[in-house]
Amino acid sequence: MKLKKFGFMLLMMFLLVSCAQPNDPAENESALKIYNTIETEGYAFDFAVSDELLFIAEDQCGFSIYNFVSGSMYCHIDSLNDGTLYENVRKIAGSADKNVMIVYDRYGEHARFDVFNISDLINPLFLISNISNTSDVQKIVTSKNSDNNAQFTWTSANSFSIASYDENWSNEVAVDFANSVGGFDFNDEIAVIAAEQSGLHFVDLATEETLLTYDTIGEALDVKLVDNYAFVALRQEGFMILDITDPVHPVEIHQEDVGEIIYTIDVKDNFMLLSSHSGGVMLYDISDLTEPELAGRLSDNKIGYTYKAAFAGDYIVASTRVGVVIIEY
């Protein structure tokens, strides 16, 4: 009888080992620790961090602004002064330096951007709305242009756009593609734009010409540029690292399936960060770009379904269904 039980145990161990996915990153709580969780009224679909300011897009519940360090809330806004309710705030960006914030509501009478002056963080001042190239916005960031004005860069449907604001909205760049585009990153010379099943578009910002469309394994959803490298989130195929010293002839350095659906990617120093809906956040050591190593992971059972993750100061920030999670690493 004992021999039969022993044989059964061996069979069960064999089945468990054989069913394990070798490319599924193991959860490593020793490397990643939850520092704080900011619970939001709506799903935290997007966020932006600028100095100590944390801007949160809360879907049907509008948007909010917090102090990133203390976690205290400055304001939560679900409508404009004229009573117009925010229906689905899906994207947000802000600049503490330029005292400007941009909020994207994808429904309502028009899909639109609302621009606010945030000199008074408790009562942001609505400035202007824009409805140009605002269909299905996938990503928006703020920066400064050469005139030191607030600059907005975003992707919407099949377009990549850049505009500036200095009391008036000014369109500067608008590049259209044959198919939908998603995440992106850019430097002074080029923009690299994730184009889902079409791969990556390399665009010359001076001429607005597409230099190259690079085919990728899987769907390219997001991009991060660091020095002469492009780090790419590949949805169902994990991530890819490209050497783009010559942007017309990228060289693949590494590609890895991580066993999860990947949405966003970020890089800081020798670390790379991936976000995944049910996979949570995954941190990789990329000291050796040819052999990235998993350094830590927090899955959705710890932080909730994850929409985005990024480095912010000495922390990792993740937006999830439960709110925004601040993580030490």
C-alpha atoms as a PDB file:
ATOM      1  CA  MET A   1       0.000   0.000   0.000  1.00  0.00           C
ATOM      2  CA  LYS A   2       2.815   2.372   0.842  1.00  0.00           C
ATOM      3  CA  LEU A   3       4.499   1.612  -2.488  1.00  0.00           C
ATOM      4  CA  LYS A   4       1.287   2.479  -4.350  1.00  0.00           C
ATOM      5  CA  LYS A   5       1.032   5.815  -2.515  1.00  0.00           C
ATOM      6  CA  PHE A   6       4.682   6.586  -3.258  1.00  0.00           C
ATOM      7  CA  GLY A   7       4.158   5.818  -6.946  1.00  0.00           C
ATOM      8  CA  PHE A   8       1.083   8.060  -7.035  1.00  0.00           C
ATOM      9  CA  MET A   9       3.041  10.924  -5.460  1.00  0.00           C
ATOM     10  CA  LEU A  10       5.801  10.553  -8.050  1.00  0.00           C
ATOM     11  CA  LEU A  11       3.216  10.640 -10.848  1.00  0.00           C
ATOM     12  CA  MET A  12       1.624  13.824  -9.471  1.00  0.00           C
ATOM     13  CA  MET A  13       5.030  15.527  -9.136  1.00  0.00           C
ATOM     14  CA  PHE A  14       5.847  14.611 -12.736  1.00  0.00           C
ATOM     15  CA  LEU A  15       2.535  16.044 -13.971  1.00  0.00           C
ATOM     16  CA  LEU A  16       3.014  19.299 -12.063  1.00  0.00           C
ATOM     17  CA  VAL A  17       6.519  19.789 -13.401  1.00  0.00           C
ATOM     18  CA  SER A  18       5.538  18.905 -16.959  1.00  0.00           C
ATOM     19  CA  CYS A  19       2.606  21.381 -16.884  1.00  0.00           C
ATOM     20  CA  ALA A  20       4.717  24.302 -15.637  1.00  0.00           C
ATOM     21  CA  GLN A  21       5.533  26.977 -18.160  1.00  0.00           C
ATOM     22  CA  PRO A  22       9.324  27.401 -18.264  1.00  0.00           C
ATOM     23  CA  ASN A  23       9.073  30.980 -19.535  1.00  0.00           C
ATOM     24  CA  ASP A  24       6.588  32.152 -16.871  1.00  0.00           C
ATOM     25  CA  PRO A  25       8.439  34.542 -14.505  1.00  0.00           C
ATOM     26  CA  ALA A  26       8.161  33.425 -10.902  1.00  0.00           C
ATOM     27  CA  GLU A  27       6.795  35.936  -8.414  1.00  0.00           C
ATOM     28  CA  ASN A  28       9.619  37.460  -6.393  1.00  0.00           C
ATOM     29  CA  GLU A  29       8.363  39.473  -3.454  1.00  0.00           C
ATOM     30  CA  SER A  30      11.837  39.983  -1.988  1.00  0.00           C
ATOM     31  CA  ALA A  31      12.825  42.413  -4.763  1.00  0.00           C
ATOM     32  CA  LEU A  32       9.546  44.355  -5.015  1.00  0.00           C
ATOM     33  CA  LYS A  33       7.676  45.763  -2.017  1.00  0.00           C
ATOM     34  CA  ILE A  34       4.425  47.732  -1.983  1.00  0.00           C
ATOM     35  CA  TYR A  35       5.198  51.124  -0.446  1.00  0.00           C
ATOM     36  CA  ASN A  36       1.745  52.705  -0.747  1.00  0.00           C
ATOM     37  CA  THR A  37      -1.558  52.207  -2.541  1.00  0.00           C
ATOM     38  CA  ILE A  38      -3.680  55.177  -3.570  1.00  0.00           C
ATOM     39  CA  GLU A  39      -7.196  53.828  -3.933  1.00  0.00           C
ATOM     40  CA  THR A  40      -9.215  55.595  -6.628  1.00  0.00           C
ATOM     41  CA  GLU A  41     -12.963  55.904  -7.216  1.00  0.00           C
ATOM     42  CA  GLY A  42     -12.642  54.700 -10.809  1.00  0.00           C
ATOM     43  CA  TYR A  43     -10.256  52.333 -12.550  1.00  0.00           C
ATOM     44  CA  ALA A  44      -6.825  53.979 -12.766  1.00  0.00           C
ATOM     45  CA  PHE A  45      -6.294  53.477 -16.498  1.00  0.00           C
ATOM     46  CA  ASP A  46      -3.414  55.947 -16.793  1.00  0.00           C
ATOM     47  CA  PHE A  47      -1.130  58.166 -14.740  1.00  0.00           C
ATOM     48  CA  ALA A  48       1.692  60.647 -15.119  1.00  0.00           C
ATOM     49  CA  VAL A  49       4.336  61.756 -12.634  1.00  0.00           C
ATOM     50  CA  SER A  50       6.057  65.142 -12.734  1.00  0.00           C
ATOM     51  CA  ASP A  51       8.291  66.025  -9.787  1.00  0.00           C
ATOM     52  CA  GLU A  52       6.067  65.367  -6.746  1.00  0.00           C
ATOM     53  CA  LEU A  53       2.803  65.515  -8.702  1.00  0.00           C
ATOM     54  CA  LEU A  54       0.840  62.387  -9.609  1.00  0.00           C
ATOM     55  CA  PHE A  55      -1.937  62.774 -12.203  1.00  0.00           C
ATOM     56  CA  ILE A  56      -4.466  59.921 -12.429  1.00  0.00           C
ATOM     57  CA  ALA A  57      -7.048  59.174 -15.137  1.00  0.00           C
ATOM     58  CA  GLU A  58      -9.999  57.499 -13.374  1.00  0.00           C
ATOM     59  CA  ASP A  59     -12.227  56.523 -16.302  1.00  0.00           C
ATOM     60  CA  GLN A  60     -15.911  57.231 -15.482  1.00  0.00           C
ATOM     61  CA  CYS A  61     -14.935  59.038 -12.279  1.00  0.00           C
ATOM     62  CA  GLY A  62     -12.887  61.811 -13.913  1.00  0.00           C
ATOM     63  CA  PHE A  63      -9.328  62.571 -12.813  1.00  0.00           C
ATOM     64  CA  SER A  64      -7.344  63.434  -9.708  1.00  0.00           C
ATOM     65  CA  ILE A  65      -4.045  65.007  -8.665  1.00  0.00           C
ATOM     66  CA  TYR A  66      -1.990  63.733  -5.729  1.00  0.00           C
ATOM     67  CA  ASN A  67       1.295  64.465  -4.055  1.00  0.00           C
ATOM     68  CA  PHE A  68       3.409  61.532  -5.181  1.00  0.00           C
ATOM     69  CA  VAL A  69       5.627  61.546  -2.079  1.00  0.00           C
ATOM     70  CA  SER A  70       3.022  61.918   0.681  1.00  0.00           C
ATOM     71  CA  GLY A  71       0.065  60.329  -1.093  1.00  0.00           C
ATOM     72  CA  SER A  72      -2.205  63.242  -0.163  1.00  0.00           C
ATOM     73  CA  MET A  73      -4.856  64.356  -2.680  1.00  0.00           C
ATOM     74  CA  TYR A  74      -5.000  67.903  -4.061  1.00  0.00           C
ATOM     75  CA  CYS A  75      -8.213  67.461  -6.031  1.00  0.00           C
ATOM     76  CA  HIS A  76     -10.621  65.051  -7.621  1.00  0.00           C
ATOM     77  CA  ILE A  77     -12.657  66.381 -10.554  1.00  0.00           C
ATOM     78  CA  ASP A  78     -15.486  64.594 -12.344  1.00  0.00           C
ATOM     79  CA  SER A  79     -16.916  67.471 -14.395  1.00  0.00           C
ATOM     80  CA  LEU A  80     -16.151  70.872 -15.911  1.00  0.00           C
ATOM     81  CA  ASN A  81     -17.490  74.108 -14.459  1.00  0.00           C
ATOM     82  CA  ASP A  82     -20.328  74.143 -17.004  1.00  0.00           C
ATOM     83  CA  GLY A  83     -21.554  70.831 -15.631  1.00  0.00           C
ATOM     84  CA  THR A  84     -20.161  68.637 -18.438  1.00  0.00           C
ATOM     85  CA  LEU A  85     -19.449  65.254 -16.877  1.00  0.00           C
ATOM     86  CA  TYR A  86     -16.329  63.286 -17.684  1.00  0.00           C
ATOM     87  CA  GLU A  87     -17.526  60.000 -19.162  1.00  0.00           C
ATOM     88  CA  ASN A  88     -14.336  58.010 -19.763  1.00  0.00           C
ATOM     89  CA  VAL A  89     -11.035  59.672 -18.843  1.00  0.00           C
ATOM     90  CA  ARG A  90      -8.532  57.165 -20.234  1.00  0.00           C
ATOM     91  CA  LYS A  91      -5.321  59.201 -20.657  1.00  0.00           C
ATOM     92  CA  ILE A  92      -3.649  62.007 -18.735  1.00  0.00           C
ATOM     93  CA  ALA A  93      -0.356  63.905 -18.743  1.00  0.00           C
ATOM     94  CA  GLY A  94       1.019  66.858 -16.817  1.00  0.00           C
ATOM     95  CA  SER A  95       4.036  69.068 -16.298  1.00  0.00           C
ATOM     96  CA  ALA A  96       4.863  70.681 -12.960  1.00  0.00           C
ATOM     97  CA  ASP A  97       7.465  72.821 -14.719  1.00  0.00           C
ATOM     98  CA  LYS A  98       4.966  74.303 -17.214  1.00  0.00           C
ATOM     99  CA  ASN A  99       1.982  74.242 -14.799  1.00  0.00           C
ATOM    100  CA  VAL A 100      -0.084  72.429 -17.409  1.00  0.00           C
ATOM    101  CA  MET A 101      -2.178  69.252 -17.464  1.00  0.00           C
ATOM    102  CA  ILE A 102      -3.980  67.557 -20.363  1.00  0.00           C
ATOM    103  CA  VAL A 103      -6.927  65.190 -19.856  1.00  0.00           C
ATOM    104  CA  TYR A 104      -8.366  62.874 -22.516  1.00  0.00           C
ATOM    105  CA  ASP A 105     -12.054  61.927 -22.412  1.00  0.00           C
ATOM    106  CA  ARG A 106     -12.765  59.404 -25.162  1.00  0.00           C
ATOM    107  CA  TYR A 107     -16.573  59.760 -25.061  1.00  0.00           C
ATOM    108  CA  GLY A 108     -18.967  62.636 -24.432  1.00  0.00           C
ATOM    109  CA  GLU A 109     -20.168  64.870 -27.280  1.00  0.00           C
ATOM    110  CA  HIS A 110     -16.666  64.675 -28.758  1.00  0.00           C
ATOM    111  CA  ALA A 111     -13.569  62.686 -27.916  1.00  0.00           C
ATOM    112  CA  ARG A 112     -11.384  65.541 -26.723  1.00  0.00           C
ATOM    113  CA  PHE A 113      -8.369  66.870 -24.855  1.00  0.00           C
ATOM    114  CA  ASP A 114      -9.010  69.367 -22.050  1.00  0.00           C
ATOM    115  CA  VAL A 115      -6.030  71.542 -21.102  1.00  0.00           C
ATOM    116  CA  PHE A 116      -5.758  72.958 -17.570  1.00  0.00           C
ATOM    117  CA  ASN A 117      -3.509  75.425 -15.807  1.00  0.00           C
ATOM    118  CA  ILE A 118      -2.463  73.749 -12.543  1.00  0.00           C
ATOM    119  CA  SER A 119      -0.882  76.705 -10.735  1.00  0.00           C
ATOM    120  CA  ASP A 120      -3.620  76.108  -8.175  1.00  0.00           C
ATOM    121  CA  LEU A 121      -3.555  72.339  -7.674  1.00  0.00           C
ATOM    122  CA  ILE A 122      -6.740  72.346  -5.618  1.00  0.00           C
ATOM    123  CA  ASN A 123      -8.708  74.202  -8.294  1.00  0.00           C
ATOM    124  CA  PRO A 124      -7.179  73.565 -11.759  1.00  0.00           C
ATOM    125  CA  LEU A 125      -8.213  76.226 -14.275  1.00  0.00           C
ATOM    126  CA  PHE A 126      -9.750  74.938 -17.512  1.00  0.00           C
ATOM    127  CA  LEU A 127      -8.114  76.636 -20.519  1.00  0.00           C
ATOM    128  CA  ILE A 128      -9.129  75.047 -23.812  1.00  0.00           C
ATOM    129  CA  SER A 129     -10.441  71.899 -25.472  1.00  0.00           C
ATOM    130  CA  ASN A 130      -9.090  70.273 -28.622  1.00  0.00           C
ATOM    131  CA  ILE A 131     -10.902  67.718 -30.803  1.00  0.00           C
ATOM    132  CA  SER A 132      -8.302  67.368 -33.566  1.00  0.00           C
ATOM    133  CA  ASN A 133      -6.808  63.854 -33.901  1.00  0.00           C
ATOM    134  CA  THR A 134      -8.483  62.653 -30.703  1.00  0.00           C
ATOM    135  CA  SER A 135     -10.063  59.396 -31.829  1.00  0.00           C
ATOM    136  CA  ASP A 136      -8.908  56.369 -29.821  1.00  0.00           C
ATOM    137  CA  VAL A 137      -5.876  58.007 -28.158  1.00  0.00           C
ATOM    138  CA  GLN A 138      -3.380  55.373 -26.999  1.00  0.00           C
ATOM    139  CA  LYS A 139      -0.688  57.470 -25.323  1.00  0.00           C
ATOM    140  CA  ILE A 140       0.058  61.124 -24.538  1.00  0.00           C
ATOM    141  CA  VAL A 141       3.077  62.781 -22.936  1.00  0.00           C
ATOM    142  CA  THR A 142       4.074  66.347 -22.102  1.00  0.00           C
ATOM    143  CA  SER A 143       7.437  67.998 -22.678  1.00  0.00           C
ATOM    144  CA  LYS A 144       8.882  71.362 -23.711  1.00  0.00           C
ATOM    145  CA  ASN A 145       9.466  72.466 -27.293  1.00  0.00           C
ATOM    146  CA  SER A 146      12.309  74.653 -28.581  1.00  0.00           C
ATOM    147  CA  ASP A 147      10.357  77.809 -27.623  1.00  0.00           C
ATOM    148  CA  ASN A 148      10.035  76.521 -24.032  1.00  0.00           C
ATOM    149  CA  ASN A 149       6.283  76.125 -24.417  1.00  0.00           C
ATOM    150  CA  ALA A 150       4.292  73.095 -23.279  1.00  0.00           C
ATOM    151  CA  GLN A 151       4.380  70.397 -25.925  1.00  0.00           C
ATOM    152  CA  PHE A 152       1.974  67.461 -26.229  1.00  0.00           C
ATOM    153  CA  THR A 153       2.815  64.311 -28.173  1.00  0.00           C
ATOM    154  CA  TRP A 154       0.278  61.539 -28.719  1.00  0.00           C
ATOM    155  CA  THR A 155      -0.991  58.708 -30.878  1.00  0.00           C
ATOM    156  CA  SER A 156      -4.635  58.457 -31.934  1.00  0.00           C
ATOM    157  CA  ALA A 157      -6.159  55.869 -34.274  1.00  0.00           C
ATOM    158  CA  ASN A 158      -3.627  55.796 -37.148  1.00  0.00           C
ATOM    159  CA  SER A 159      -1.889  59.137 -36.409  1.00  0.00           C
ATOM    160  CA  PHE A 160       1.176  60.387 -34.533  1.00  0.00           C
ATOM    161  CA  SER A 161       0.833  64.044 -33.538  1.00  0.00           C
ATOM    162  CA  ILE A 162       2.730  66.829 -31.800  1.00  0.00           C
ATOM    163  CA  ALA A 163       1.173  70.124 -30.693  1.00  0.00           C
ATOM    164  CA  SER A 164       2.162  72.992 -28.401  1.00  0.00           C
ATOM    165  CA  TYR A 165       0.215  75.316 -26.152  1.00  0.00           C
ATOM    166  CA  ASP A 166       1.002  78.950 -25.346  1.00  0.00           C
ATOM    167  CA  GLU A 167      -2.447  80.519 -24.810  1.00  0.00           C
ATOM    168  CA  ASN A 168      -3.371  78.869 -28.135  1.00  0.00           C
ATOM    169  CA  TRP A 169      -3.247  75.293 -29.402  1.00  0.00           C
ATOM    170  CA  SER A 170      -0.778  74.899 -32.309  1.00  0.00           C
ATOM    171  CA  ASN A 171      -0.426  71.705 -34.340  1.00  0.00           C
ATOM    172  CA  GLU A 172       3.195  71.051 -35.272  1.00  0.00           C
ATOM    173  CA  VAL A 173       3.458  67.459 -36.529  1.00  0.00           C
ATOM    174  CA  ALA A 174       0.824  65.030 -37.818  1.00  0.00           C
ATOM    175  CA  VAL A 175       1.919  61.801 -39.472  1.00  0.00           C
ATOM    176  CA  ASP A 176      -0.687  59.326 -40.715  1.00  0.00           C
ATOM    177  CA  PHE A 177      -0.185  55.608 -41.233  1.00  0.00           C
ATOM    178  CA  ALA A 178      -2.174  52.872 -42.946  1.00  0.00           C
ATOM    179  CA  ASN A 179      -3.087  51.120 -39.684  1.00  0.00           C
ATOM    180  CA  SER A 180      -3.566  51.821 -35.965  1.00  0.00           C
ATOM    181  CA  VAL A 181      -0.655  52.906 -33.798  1.00  0.00           C
ATOM    182  CA  GLY A 182      -0.091  52.736 -30.052  1.00  0.00           C
ATOM    183  CA  GLY A 183       2.807  53.548 -27.723  1.00  0.00           C
ATOM    184  CA  PHE A 184       5.835  55.537 -28.815  1.00  0.00           C
ATOM    185  CA  ASP A 185       8.998  57.325 -27.769  1.00  0.00           C
ATOM    186  CA  PHE A 186      11.146  59.941 -29.453  1.00  0.00           C
ATOM    187  CA  ASN A 187      14.392  61.883 -29.248  1.00  0.00           C
ATOM    188  CA  ASP A 188      15.574  65.036 -31.042  1.00  0.00           C
ATOM    189  CA  GLU A 189      15.745  63.294 -34.407  1.00  0.00           C
ATOM    190  CA  ILE A 190      13.378  60.349 -34.667  1.00  0.00           C
ATOM    191  CA  ALA A 191      10.184  58.903 -33.249  1.00  0.00           C
ATOM    192  CA  VAL A 192       9.697  55.157 -32.949  1.00  0.00           C
ATOM    193  CA  ILE A 193       6.018  54.237 -32.931  1.00  0.00           C
ATOM    194  CA  ALA A 194       4.476  50.886 -32.032  1.00  0.00           C
ATOM    195  CA  ALA A 195       2.069  49.817 -34.772  1.00  0.00           C
ATOM    196  CA  GLU A 196       0.631  46.599 -33.389  1.00  0.00           C
ATOM    197  CA  GLN A 197       0.696  43.881 -36.096  1.00  0.00           C
ATOM    198  CA  SER A 198       2.557  46.230 -38.464  1.00  0.00           C
ATOM    199  CA  GLY A 199       5.576  46.348 -36.146  1.00  0.00           C
ATOM    200  CA  LEU A 200       7.442  49.625 -35.620  1.00  0.00           C
ATOM    201  CA  HIS A 201       7.439  52.864 -37.602  1.00  0.00           C
ATOM    202  CA  PHE A 202      10.656  54.928 -37.571  1.00  0.00           C
ATOM    203  CA  VAL A 203       9.819  58.575 -38.369  1.00  0.00           C
ATOM    204  CA  ASP A 204      12.182  61.451 -39.129  1.00  0.00           C
ATOM    205  CA  LEU A 205      10.794  64.321 -37.048  1.00  0.00           C
ATOM    206  CA  ALA A 206      12.359  67.020 -39.245  1.00  0.00           C
ATOM    207  CA  THR A 207      10.811  65.788 -42.492  1.00  0.00           C
ATOM    208  CA  GLU A 208       7.862  63.799 -41.027  1.00  0.00           C
ATOM    209  CA  GLU A 209       8.857  60.964 -43.365  1.00  0.00           C
ATOM    210  CA  THR A 210       8.640  57.311 -42.363  1.00  0.00           C
ATOM    211  CA  LEU A 211      12.194  56.008 -42.641  1.00  0.00           C
ATOM    212  CA  LEU A 212      11.358  52.376 -42.008  1.00  0.00           C
ATOM    213  CA  THR A 213       8.592  50.033 -40.935  1.00  0.00           C
ATOM    214  CA  TYR A 214      10.243  47.230 -38.999  1.00  0.00           C
ATOM    215  CA  ASP A 215       8.439  43.910 -38.703  1.00  0.00           C
ATOM    216  CA  THR A 216       8.265  42.468 -35.184  1.00  0.00           C
ATOM    217  CA  ILE A 217       7.273  39.107 -33.808  1.00  0.00           C
ATOM    218  CA  GLY A 218       3.895  39.613 -32.149  1.00  0.00           C
ATOM    219  CA  GLU A 219       2.102  42.948 -31.775  1.00  0.00           C
ATOM    220  CA  ALA A 220       4.210  45.982 -30.852  1.00  0.00           C
ATOM    221  CA  LEU A 221       2.309  47.980 -28.191  1.00  0.00           C
ATOM    222  CA  ASP A 222       4.865  50.286 -26.581  1.00  0.00           C
ATOM    223  CA  VAL A 223       8.415  51.609 -27.027  1.00  0.00           C
ATOM    224  CA  LYS A 224      11.111  53.137 -24.839  1.00  0.00           C
ATOM    225  CA  LEU A 225      14.241  54.742 -26.326  1.00  0.00           C
ATOM    226  CA  VAL A 226      17.456  54.851 -24.286  1.00  0.00           C
ATOM    227  CA  ASP A 227      20.682  55.978 -25.922  1.00  0.00           C
ATOM    228  CA  ASN A 228      20.943  53.930 -29.131  1.00  0.00           C
ATOM    229  CA  TYR A 229      18.503  51.214 -28.088  1.00  0.00           C
ATOM    230  CA  ALA A 230      14.765  50.654 -28.488  1.00  0.00           C
ATOM    231  CA  PHE A 231      12.967  48.506 -25.906  1.00  0.00           C
ATOM    232  CA  VAL A 232       9.677  47.179 -27.271  1.00  0.00           C
ATOM    233  CA  ALA A 233       6.624  45.637 -25.559  1.00  0.00           C
ATOM    234  CA  LEU A 234       5.383  42.814 -27.797  1.00  0.00           C
ATOM    235  CA  ARG A 235       1.993  41.984 -26.286  1.00  0.00           C
ATOM    236  CA  GLN A 236       1.806  38.164 -26.455  1.00  0.00           C
ATOM    237  CA  GLU A 237       5.520  37.739 -27.300  1.00  0.00           C
ATOM    238  CA  GLY A 238       7.126  39.495 -24.330  1.00  0.00           C
ATOM    239  CA  PHE A 239       9.713  42.115 -25.221  1.00  0.00           C
ATOM    240  CA  MET A 240      12.445  42.950 -27.715  1.00  0.00           C
ATOM    241  CA  ILE A 241      15.636  45.009 -27.551  1.00  0.00           C
ATOM    242  CA  LEU A 242      16.934  46.649 -30.738  1.00  0.00           C
ATOM    243  CA  ASP A 243      20.174  48.484 -31.463  1.00  0.00           C
ATOM    244  CA  ILE A 244      19.037  51.529 -33.468  1.00  0.00           C
ATOM    245  CA  THR A 245      22.391  53.254 -33.912  1.00  0.00           C
ATOM    246  CA  ASP A 246      21.418  53.207 -37.583  1.00  0.00           C
ATOM    247  CA  PRO A 247      17.633  53.697 -37.464  1.00  0.00           C
ATOM    248  CA  VAL A 248      17.255  52.476 -41.036  1.00  0.00           C
ATOM    249  CA  HIS A 249      18.953  49.184 -40.159  1.00  0.00           C
ATOM    250  CA  PRO A 250      17.946  48.146 -36.599  1.00  0.00           C
ATOM    251  CA  VAL A 251      19.726  45.123 -35.138  1.00  0.00           C
ATOM    252  CA  GLU A 252      17.888  42.760 -32.801  1.00  0.00           C
ATOM    253  CA  ILE A 253      19.821  42.241 -29.564  1.00  0.00           C
ATOM    254  CA  HIS A 254      17.327  40.114 -27.651  1.00  0.00           C
ATOM    255  CA  GLN A 255      13.726  38.905 -27.738  1.00  0.00           C
ATOM    256  CA  GLU A 256      11.992  36.982 -24.965  1.00  0.00           C
ATOM    257  CA  ASP A 257       8.525  35.551 -24.375  1.00  0.00           C
ATOM    258  CA  VAL A 258       7.649  36.097 -20.695  1.00  0.00           C
ATOM    259  CA  GLY A 259       4.442  34.064 -20.655  1.00  0.00           C
ATOM    260  CA  GLU A 260       2.129  37.073 -20.120  1.00  0.00           C
ATOM    261  CA  ILE A 261       0.352  39.700 -22.223  1.00  0.00           C
ATOM    262  CA  ILE A 262       2.599  42.804 -22.058  1.00  0.00           C
ATOM    263  CA  TYR A 263       1.159  46.326 -22.378  1.00  0.00           C
ATOM    264  CA  THR A 264       3.836  48.886 -21.489  1.00  0.00           C
ATOM    265  CA  ILE A 265       7.594  49.056 -21.093  1.00  0.00           C
ATOM    266  CA  ASP A 266       9.945  51.454 -19.292  1.00  0.00           C
ATOM    267  CA  VAL A 267      13.691  51.611 -18.661  1.00  0.00           C
ATOM    268  CA  LYS A 268      15.818  53.308 -16.029  1.00  0.00           C
ATOM    269  CA  ASP A 269      19.540  52.787 -15.447  1.00  0.00           C
ATOM    270  CA  ASN A 270      20.098  49.016 -15.606  1.00  0.00           C
ATOM    271  CA  PHE A 271      16.462  48.039 -15.097  1.00  0.00           C
ATOM    272  CA  MET A 272      13.554  47.384 -17.454  1.00  0.00           C
ATOM    273  CA  LEU A 273       9.919  47.351 -16.332  1.00  0.00           C
ATOM    274  CA  LEU A 274       6.996  45.538 -17.966  1.00  0.00           C
ATOM    275  CA  SER A 275       3.285  45.848 -17.189  1.00  0.00           C
ATOM    276  CA  SER A 276       0.776  43.088 -17.828  1.00  0.00           C
ATOM    277  CA  HIS A 277      -2.975  42.938 -17.191  1.00  0.00           C
ATOM    278  CA  SER A 278      -3.094  39.776 -15.087  1.00  0.00           C
ATOM    279  CA  GLY A 279       0.685  39.479 -14.875  1.00  0.00           C
ATOM    280  CA  GLY A 280       1.133  42.631 -12.774  1.00  0.00           C
ATOM    281  CA  VAL A 281       4.601  44.184 -12.992  1.00  0.00           C
ATOM    282  CA  MET A 282       7.880  42.507 -13.889  1.00  0.00           C
ATOM    283  CA  LEU A 283      11.298  44.012 -13.237  1.00  0.00           C
ATOM    284  CA  TYR A 284      14.349  42.906 -15.231  1.00  0.00           C
ATOM    285  CA  ASP A 285      18.048  43.530 -14.706  1.00  0.00           C
ATOM    286  CA  ILE A 286      19.407  44.567 -18.114  1.00  0.00           C
ATOM    287  CA  SER A 287      23.053  45.068 -17.166  1.00  0.00           C
ATOM    288  CA  ASP A 288      23.698  42.606 -19.995  1.00  0.00           C
ATOM    289  CA  LEU A 289      21.322  43.535 -22.826  1.00  0.00           C
ATOM    290  CA  THR A 290      21.839  40.170 -24.474  1.00  0.00           C
ATOM    291  CA  GLU A 291      20.727  38.285 -21.342  1.00  0.00           C
ATOM    292  CA  PRO A 292      18.137  40.224 -19.274  1.00  0.00           C
ATOM    293  CA  GLU A 293      17.404  38.599 -15.914  1.00  0.00           C
ATOM    294  CA  LEU A 294      14.143  38.710 -13.971  1.00  0.00           C
ATOM    295  CA  ALA A 295      14.781  40.680 -10.770  1.00  0.00           C
ATOM    296  CA  GLY A 296      11.275  40.787  -9.287  1.00  0.00           C
ATOM    297  CA  ARG A 297       7.559  40.478  -9.926  1.00  0.00           C
ATOM    298  CA  LEU A 298       4.244  41.395  -8.293  1.00  0.00           C
ATOM    299  CA  SER A 299       1.229  39.757  -9.945  1.00  0.00           C
ATOM    300  CA  ASP A 300      -2.385  40.899 -10.094  1.00  0.00           C
ATOM    301  CA  ASN A 301      -3.374  39.036  -6.937  1.00  0.00           C
ATOM    302  CA  LYS A 302      -1.159  41.520  -5.050  1.00  0.00           C
ATOM    303  CA  ILE A 303      -1.829  44.765  -6.934  1.00  0.00           C
ATOM    304  CA  GLY A 304      -4.859  44.173  -9.181  1.00  0.00           C
ATOM    305  CA  TYR A 305      -5.149  44.050 -12.965  1.00  0.00           C
ATOM    306  CA  THR A 306      -2.376  46.325 -14.239  1.00  0.00           C
ATOM    307  CA  TYR A 307      -2.713  48.804 -17.108  1.00  0.00           C
ATOM    308  CA  LYS A 308       0.586  50.673 -16.951  1.00  0.00           C
ATOM    309  CA  ALA A 309       3.845  50.721 -14.978  1.00  0.00           C
ATOM    310  CA  ALA A 310       6.694  53.228 -15.021  1.00  0.00           C
ATOM    311  CA  PHE A 311       9.699  54.343 -13.001  1.00  0.00           C
ATOM    312  CA  ALA A 312       9.229  57.525 -10.960  1.00  0.00           C
ATOM    313  CA  GLY A 313      12.105  58.777  -8.847  1.00  0.00           C
ATOM    314  CA  ASP A 314      13.260  55.911  -6.645  1.00  0.00           C
ATOM    315  CA  TYR A 315       9.996  54.012  -7.072  1.00  0.00           C
ATOM    316  CA  ILE A 316       7.888  52.058  -9.537  1.00  0.00           C
ATOM    317  CA  VAL A 317       4.347  53.324 -10.124  1.00  0.00           C
ATOM    318  CA  ALA A 318       1.608  51.032 -11.439  1.00  0.00           C
ATOM    319  CA  SER A 319      -1.975  51.937 -12.356  1.00  0.00           C
ATOM    320  CA  THR A 320      -4.470  49.148 -11.672  1.00  0.00           C
ATOM    321  CA  ARG A 321      -8.147  48.472 -11.109  1.00  0.00           C
ATOM    322  CA  VAL A 322      -7.727  49.212  -7.395  1.00  0.00           C
ATOM    323  CA  GLY A 323      -5.842  52.474  -7.891  1.00  0.00           C
ATOM    324  CA  VAL A 324      -2.206  53.495  -8.172  1.00  0.00           C
ATOM    325  CA  VAL A 325       0.381  51.334  -6.443  1.00  0.00           C
ATOM    326  CA  ILE A 326       3.757  52.735  -5.390  1.00  0.00           C
ATOM    327  CA  ILE A 327       6.422  49.997  -5.315  1.00  0.00           C
ATOM    328  CA  GLU A 328       9.930  49.931  -3.871  1.00  0.00           C
ATOM    329  CA  TYR A 329      12.615  48.084  -5.772  1.00  0.00           C
END
